[in-house]
Amino acid sequence: MIKTNKTADDYVLNALKRKPVTTYDLRRQGVFSPAGSISRLRKQGHPIETKRKSIVDDFGIKRHRVAEYRLKGRKQPKAPLFGKKAPLFSRSAKQEQEVS
């Protein structure tokens, strides 16, 4: 990786914008903790899909269950870290009157 002010998370996000990448690809490029970067990007609201696949590495060894990450659609709004959560089920005004 070239030394710039960018973080590993920025590098991973740019790589995902171009094409799907595997954990193996990211480690070869100098990202030592791809899963950590993916986790932080998801918390920021980026819709990243993970798929497990088998690959053959540079040494000809078959690696099973390597994570392949894919960026889906647009960035989702960031979820609040704390505070009031929306109810799972809400009653309509008519149901409220029937209960009262």
N, C-alpha and C. Protein backbone atom coordinates (compact mmCIF):
# COMPACT_ATOMS: atom_id res chain seq x y z
N MET A 1 0.83 -1.16 0.00
CA MET A 1 0.00 0.00 0.00
C MET A 1 0.89 1.24 0.00
N ILE A 2 0.53 2.25 -0.76
CA ILE A 2 1.28 3.49 -0.82
C ILE A 2 0.99 4.31 0.44
N LYS A 3 2.02 4.95 0.99
CA LYS A 3 1.82 5.76 2.20
C LYS A 3 1.09 7.05 1.84
N THR A 4 -0.09 7.20 2.36
CA THR A 4 -0.86 8.44 2.24
C THR A 4 -1.57 8.66 3.56
N ASN A 5 -2.40 9.67 3.62
CA ASN A 5 -3.18 9.91 4.83
C ASN A 5 -4.42 9.05 4.90
N LYS A 6 -4.65 8.22 3.91
CA LYS A 6 -5.83 7.35 3.91
C LYS A 6 -5.64 6.20 4.88
N THR A 7 -6.75 5.76 5.43
CA THR A 7 -6.70 4.62 6.34
C THR A 7 -6.95 3.33 5.56
N ALA A 8 -6.77 2.22 6.25
CA ALA A 8 -7.05 0.93 5.62
C ALA A 8 -8.53 0.84 5.24
N ASP A 9 -9.40 1.44 6.04
CA ASP A 9 -10.83 1.43 5.74
C ASP A 9 -11.11 2.15 4.43
N ASP A 10 -10.43 3.28 4.19
CA ASP A 10 -10.60 4.01 2.93
C ASP A 10 -10.14 3.15 1.75
N TYR A 11 -9.03 2.46 1.94
CA TYR A 11 -8.51 1.61 0.88
C TYR A 11 -9.49 0.47 0.56
N VAL A 12 -10.03 -0.16 1.61
CA VAL A 12 -10.99 -1.26 1.42
C VAL A 12 -12.24 -0.76 0.71
N LEU A 13 -12.76 0.40 1.11
CA LEU A 13 -13.96 0.95 0.49
C LEU A 13 -13.72 1.26 -0.99
N ASN A 14 -12.58 1.84 -1.31
CA ASN A 14 -12.26 2.12 -2.72
C ASN A 14 -12.13 0.84 -3.53
N ALA A 15 -11.54 -0.19 -2.94
CA ALA A 15 -11.41 -1.47 -3.62
C ALA A 15 -12.79 -2.09 -3.87
N LEU A 16 -13.68 -1.98 -2.89
CA LEU A 16 -15.03 -2.53 -3.04
C LEU A 16 -15.85 -1.78 -4.09
N LYS A 17 -15.58 -0.50 -4.25
CA LYS A 17 -16.31 0.28 -5.26
C LYS A 17 -15.94 -0.17 -6.67
N ARG A 18 -14.73 -0.70 -6.82
CA ARG A 18 -14.29 -1.17 -8.14
C ARG A 18 -14.80 -2.56 -8.47
N LYS A 19 -14.68 -3.49 -7.50
CA LYS A 19 -15.07 -4.88 -7.74
C LYS A 19 -15.12 -5.62 -6.41
N PRO A 20 -15.74 -6.80 -6.38
CA PRO A 20 -15.72 -7.62 -5.16
C PRO A 20 -14.29 -8.06 -4.85
N VAL A 21 -13.94 -8.10 -3.57
CA VAL A 21 -12.60 -8.49 -3.17
C VAL A 21 -12.68 -9.54 -2.07
N THR A 22 -11.65 -10.37 -2.00
CA THR A 22 -11.59 -11.40 -0.96
C THR A 22 -10.64 -10.95 0.15
N THR A 23 -10.73 -11.62 1.27
CA THR A 23 -9.82 -11.36 2.38
C THR A 23 -8.38 -11.56 1.92
N TYR A 24 -8.17 -12.57 1.11
CA TYR A 24 -6.84 -12.89 0.61
C TYR A 24 -6.30 -11.73 -0.24
N ASP A 25 -7.13 -11.17 -1.12
CA ASP A 25 -6.71 -10.04 -1.96
C ASP A 25 -6.30 -8.85 -1.11
N LEU A 26 -7.12 -8.54 -0.10
CA LEU A 26 -6.85 -7.38 0.74
C LEU A 26 -5.58 -7.57 1.56
N ARG A 27 -5.34 -8.77 2.04
CA ARG A 27 -4.11 -9.02 2.82
C ARG A 27 -2.87 -8.90 1.92
N ARG A 28 -2.99 -9.33 0.67
CA ARG A 28 -1.86 -9.19 -0.25
C ARG A 28 -1.54 -7.72 -0.51
N GLN A 29 -2.55 -6.86 -0.41
CA GLN A 29 -2.37 -5.43 -0.64
C GLN A 29 -1.97 -4.66 0.61
N GLY A 30 -1.81 -5.36 1.75
CA GLY A 30 -1.31 -4.72 2.95
C GLY A 30 -2.35 -4.41 4.00
N VAL A 31 -3.59 -4.84 3.82
CA VAL A 31 -4.62 -4.65 4.84
C VAL A 31 -4.54 -5.87 5.75
N PHE A 32 -4.04 -5.69 6.97
CA PHE A 32 -3.79 -6.82 7.85
C PHE A 32 -5.03 -7.35 8.54
N SER A 33 -6.06 -6.50 8.66
CA SER A 33 -7.29 -6.94 9.30
C SER A 33 -8.50 -6.54 8.44
N PRO A 34 -8.72 -7.26 7.33
CA PRO A 34 -9.85 -6.92 6.46
C PRO A 34 -11.19 -7.01 7.16
N ALA A 35 -11.38 -8.00 8.02
CA ALA A 35 -12.67 -8.16 8.71
C ALA A 35 -12.96 -6.95 9.61
N GLY A 36 -11.95 -6.41 10.25
CA GLY A 36 -12.13 -5.23 11.09
C GLY A 36 -12.54 -4.02 10.28
N SER A 37 -11.90 -3.84 9.12
CA SER A 37 -12.26 -2.72 8.24
C SER A 37 -13.69 -2.87 7.74
N ILE A 38 -14.07 -4.08 7.36
CA ILE A 38 -15.43 -4.33 6.87
C ILE A 38 -16.44 -4.04 7.97
N SER A 39 -16.14 -4.44 9.19
CA SER A 39 -17.03 -4.19 10.32
C SER A 39 -17.23 -2.70 10.54
N ARG A 40 -16.14 -1.93 10.52
CA ARG A 40 -16.26 -0.49 10.72
C ARG A 40 -17.03 0.17 9.58
N LEU A 41 -16.81 -0.30 8.34
CA LEU A 41 -17.55 0.27 7.21
C LEU A 41 -19.04 -0.04 7.30
N ARG A 42 -19.39 -1.23 7.78
CA ARG A 42 -20.81 -1.57 7.96
C ARG A 42 -21.44 -0.67 9.02
N LYS A 43 -20.71 -0.40 10.10
CA LYS A 43 -21.23 0.48 11.15
C LYS A 43 -21.44 1.90 10.62
N GLN A 44 -20.68 2.29 9.62
CA GLN A 44 -20.86 3.61 9.00
C GLN A 44 -22.05 3.63 8.05
N GLY A 45 -22.62 2.44 7.76
CA GLY A 45 -23.81 2.37 6.92
C GLY A 45 -23.60 1.82 5.52
N HIS A 46 -22.41 1.35 5.20
CA HIS A 46 -22.16 0.80 3.87
C HIS A 46 -22.73 -0.61 3.78
N PRO A 47 -23.58 -0.89 2.77
CA PRO A 47 -24.18 -2.22 2.65
C PRO A 47 -23.20 -3.20 1.99
N ILE A 48 -22.51 -3.97 2.81
CA ILE A 48 -21.50 -4.90 2.31
C ILE A 48 -22.00 -6.31 2.54
N GLU A 49 -21.98 -7.10 1.47
CA GLU A 49 -22.43 -8.50 1.52
C GLU A 49 -21.21 -9.40 1.59
N THR A 50 -21.27 -10.44 2.40
CA THR A 50 -20.18 -11.40 2.53
C THR A 50 -20.61 -12.74 1.98
N LYS A 51 -19.75 -13.34 1.19
CA LYS A 51 -20.02 -14.66 0.62
C LYS A 51 -18.76 -15.49 0.83
N ARG A 52 -18.92 -16.74 1.23
CA ARG A 52 -17.76 -17.63 1.43
C ARG A 52 -17.50 -18.42 0.16
N LYS A 53 -16.24 -18.54 -0.21
CA LYS A 53 -15.89 -19.30 -1.41
C LYS A 53 -14.52 -19.94 -1.24
N SER A 54 -14.21 -20.86 -2.12
CA SER A 54 -12.90 -21.49 -2.13
C SER A 54 -12.07 -20.85 -3.23
N ILE A 55 -10.78 -20.63 -2.93
CA ILE A 55 -9.87 -20.06 -3.92
C ILE A 55 -8.58 -20.86 -3.93
N VAL A 56 -7.78 -20.65 -4.94
CA VAL A 56 -6.44 -21.23 -5.00
C VAL A 56 -5.48 -20.06 -4.86
N ASP A 57 -4.60 -20.09 -3.84
CA ASP A 57 -3.70 -18.97 -3.60
C ASP A 57 -2.51 -18.98 -4.56
N ASP A 58 -1.59 -18.04 -4.37
CA ASP A 58 -0.43 -17.90 -5.25
C ASP A 58 0.50 -19.10 -5.23
N PHE A 59 0.41 -19.91 -4.18
CA PHE A 59 1.27 -21.08 -4.05
C PHE A 59 0.60 -22.36 -4.54
N GLY A 60 -0.61 -22.24 -5.07
CA GLY A 60 -1.33 -23.40 -5.59
C GLY A 60 -2.10 -24.17 -4.53
N ILE A 61 -2.24 -23.60 -3.34
CA ILE A 61 -2.95 -24.26 -2.25
C ILE A 61 -4.40 -23.81 -2.27
N LYS A 62 -5.31 -24.77 -2.18
CA LYS A 62 -6.73 -24.44 -2.17
C LYS A 62 -7.13 -23.98 -0.78
N ARG A 63 -7.70 -22.79 -0.70
CA ARG A 63 -8.15 -22.21 0.57
C ARG A 63 -9.67 -22.24 0.59
N HIS A 64 -10.23 -22.85 1.62
CA HIS A 64 -11.69 -22.98 1.74
C HIS A 64 -12.24 -21.87 2.62
N ARG A 65 -13.48 -21.50 2.36
CA ARG A 65 -14.23 -20.52 3.15
C ARG A 65 -13.53 -19.18 3.29
N VAL A 66 -13.00 -18.68 2.18
CA VAL A 66 -12.42 -17.34 2.16
C VAL A 66 -13.56 -16.35 1.94
N ALA A 67 -13.58 -15.28 2.71
CA ALA A 67 -14.66 -14.29 2.60
C ALA A 67 -14.46 -13.43 1.35
N GLU A 68 -15.52 -13.30 0.57
CA GLU A 68 -15.53 -12.36 -0.56
C GLU A 68 -16.54 -11.27 -0.21
N TYR A 69 -16.09 -10.02 -0.25
CA TYR A 69 -16.93 -8.89 0.11
C TYR A 69 -17.39 -8.18 -1.16
N ARG A 70 -18.65 -7.74 -1.13
CA ARG A 70 -19.24 -7.06 -2.28
C ARG A 70 -20.06 -5.88 -1.76
N LEU A 71 -19.87 -4.72 -2.37
CA LEU A 71 -20.62 -3.53 -1.99
C LEU A 71 -21.94 -3.54 -2.75
N LYS A 72 -23.04 -3.45 -1.99
CA LYS A 72 -24.38 -3.49 -2.59
C LYS A 72 -25.03 -2.13 -2.50
N GLY A 73 -25.47 -1.59 -3.61
CA GLY A 73 -26.26 -0.36 -3.62
C GLY A 73 -25.58 0.84 -3.01
N ARG A 74 -26.38 1.67 -2.37
CA ARG A 74 -25.90 2.92 -1.78
C ARG A 74 -25.74 2.80 -0.27
N LYS A 75 -25.05 3.79 0.28
CA LYS A 75 -24.83 3.84 1.72
C LYS A 75 -26.16 4.02 2.44
N GLN A 76 -26.36 3.22 3.47
CA GLN A 76 -27.57 3.29 4.28
C GLN A 76 -27.36 4.32 5.39
N PRO A 77 -28.44 4.93 5.89
CA PRO A 77 -28.27 5.87 7.00
C PRO A 77 -27.71 5.17 8.23
N LYS A 78 -26.86 5.87 8.95
CA LYS A 78 -26.21 5.30 10.12
C LYS A 78 -27.22 5.12 11.25
N ALA A 79 -27.20 3.96 11.87
CA ALA A 79 -28.10 3.66 12.99
C ALA A 79 -27.61 4.39 14.23
N PRO A 80 -28.54 4.86 15.07
CA PRO A 80 -28.11 5.52 16.30
C PRO A 80 -27.43 4.53 17.24
N LEU A 81 -26.41 4.99 17.94
CA LEU A 81 -25.69 4.11 18.86
C LEU A 81 -26.49 3.86 20.13
N PHE A 82 -27.27 4.85 20.54
CA PHE A 82 -28.08 4.70 21.74
C PHE A 82 -29.30 5.59 21.59
N GLY A 83 -30.21 5.43 22.50
CA GLY A 83 -31.42 6.24 22.45
C GLY A 83 -32.64 5.37 22.28
N LYS A 84 -33.75 6.02 22.01
CA LYS A 84 -35.01 5.31 21.89
C LYS A 84 -35.08 4.56 20.56
N LYS A 85 -35.39 3.28 20.65
CA LYS A 85 -35.51 2.46 19.46
C LYS A 85 -36.95 2.47 18.99
N ALA A 86 -37.13 2.28 17.70
CA ALA A 86 -38.48 2.19 17.15
C ALA A 86 -39.11 0.87 17.60
N PRO A 87 -40.41 0.86 17.89
CA PRO A 87 -41.05 -0.39 18.31
C PRO A 87 -41.07 -1.40 17.17
N LEU A 88 -40.97 -2.68 17.54
CA LEU A 88 -41.01 -3.73 16.53
C LEU A 88 -42.40 -3.82 15.90
N PHE A 89 -43.42 -3.70 16.74
CA PHE A 89 -44.79 -3.76 16.25
C PHE A 89 -45.52 -2.53 16.77
N SER A 90 -46.20 -1.84 15.90
CA SER A 90 -46.94 -0.68 16.36
C SER A 90 -48.42 -0.91 16.11
N ARG A 91 -49.22 -0.41 17.03
CA ARG A 91 -50.66 -0.56 16.91
C ARG A 91 -51.22 0.62 16.15
N SER A 92 -52.25 0.37 15.38
CA SER A 92 -52.93 1.46 14.69
C SER A 92 -53.83 2.18 15.69
N ALA A 93 -54.33 3.34 15.32
CA ALA A 93 -55.20 4.12 16.21
C ALA A 93 -56.45 3.31 16.55
N LYS A 94 -56.97 2.56 15.59
CA LYS A 94 -58.19 1.76 15.81
C LYS A 94 -57.90 0.68 16.85
N GLN A 95 -56.75 0.01 16.76
CA GLN A 95 -56.41 -1.04 17.71
C GLN A 95 -56.20 -0.44 19.10
N GLU A 96 -55.65 0.76 19.20
CA GLU A 96 -55.46 1.43 20.49
C GLU A 96 -56.81 1.67 21.17
N GLN A 97 -57.82 2.09 20.39
CA GLN A 97 -59.14 2.36 20.95
C GLN A 97 -59.79 1.06 21.44
N GLU A 98 -59.58 -0.03 20.71
CA GLU A 98 -60.18 -1.30 21.10
C GLU A 98 -59.57 -1.80 22.40
N VAL A 99 -58.27 -1.58 22.60
CA VAL A 99 -57.57 -2.04 23.80
C VAL A 99 -58.00 -1.23 25.01
N SER A 100 -58.23 0.08 24.85
CA SER A 100 -58.58 0.97 25.95
C SER A 100 -59.93 0.68 26.53
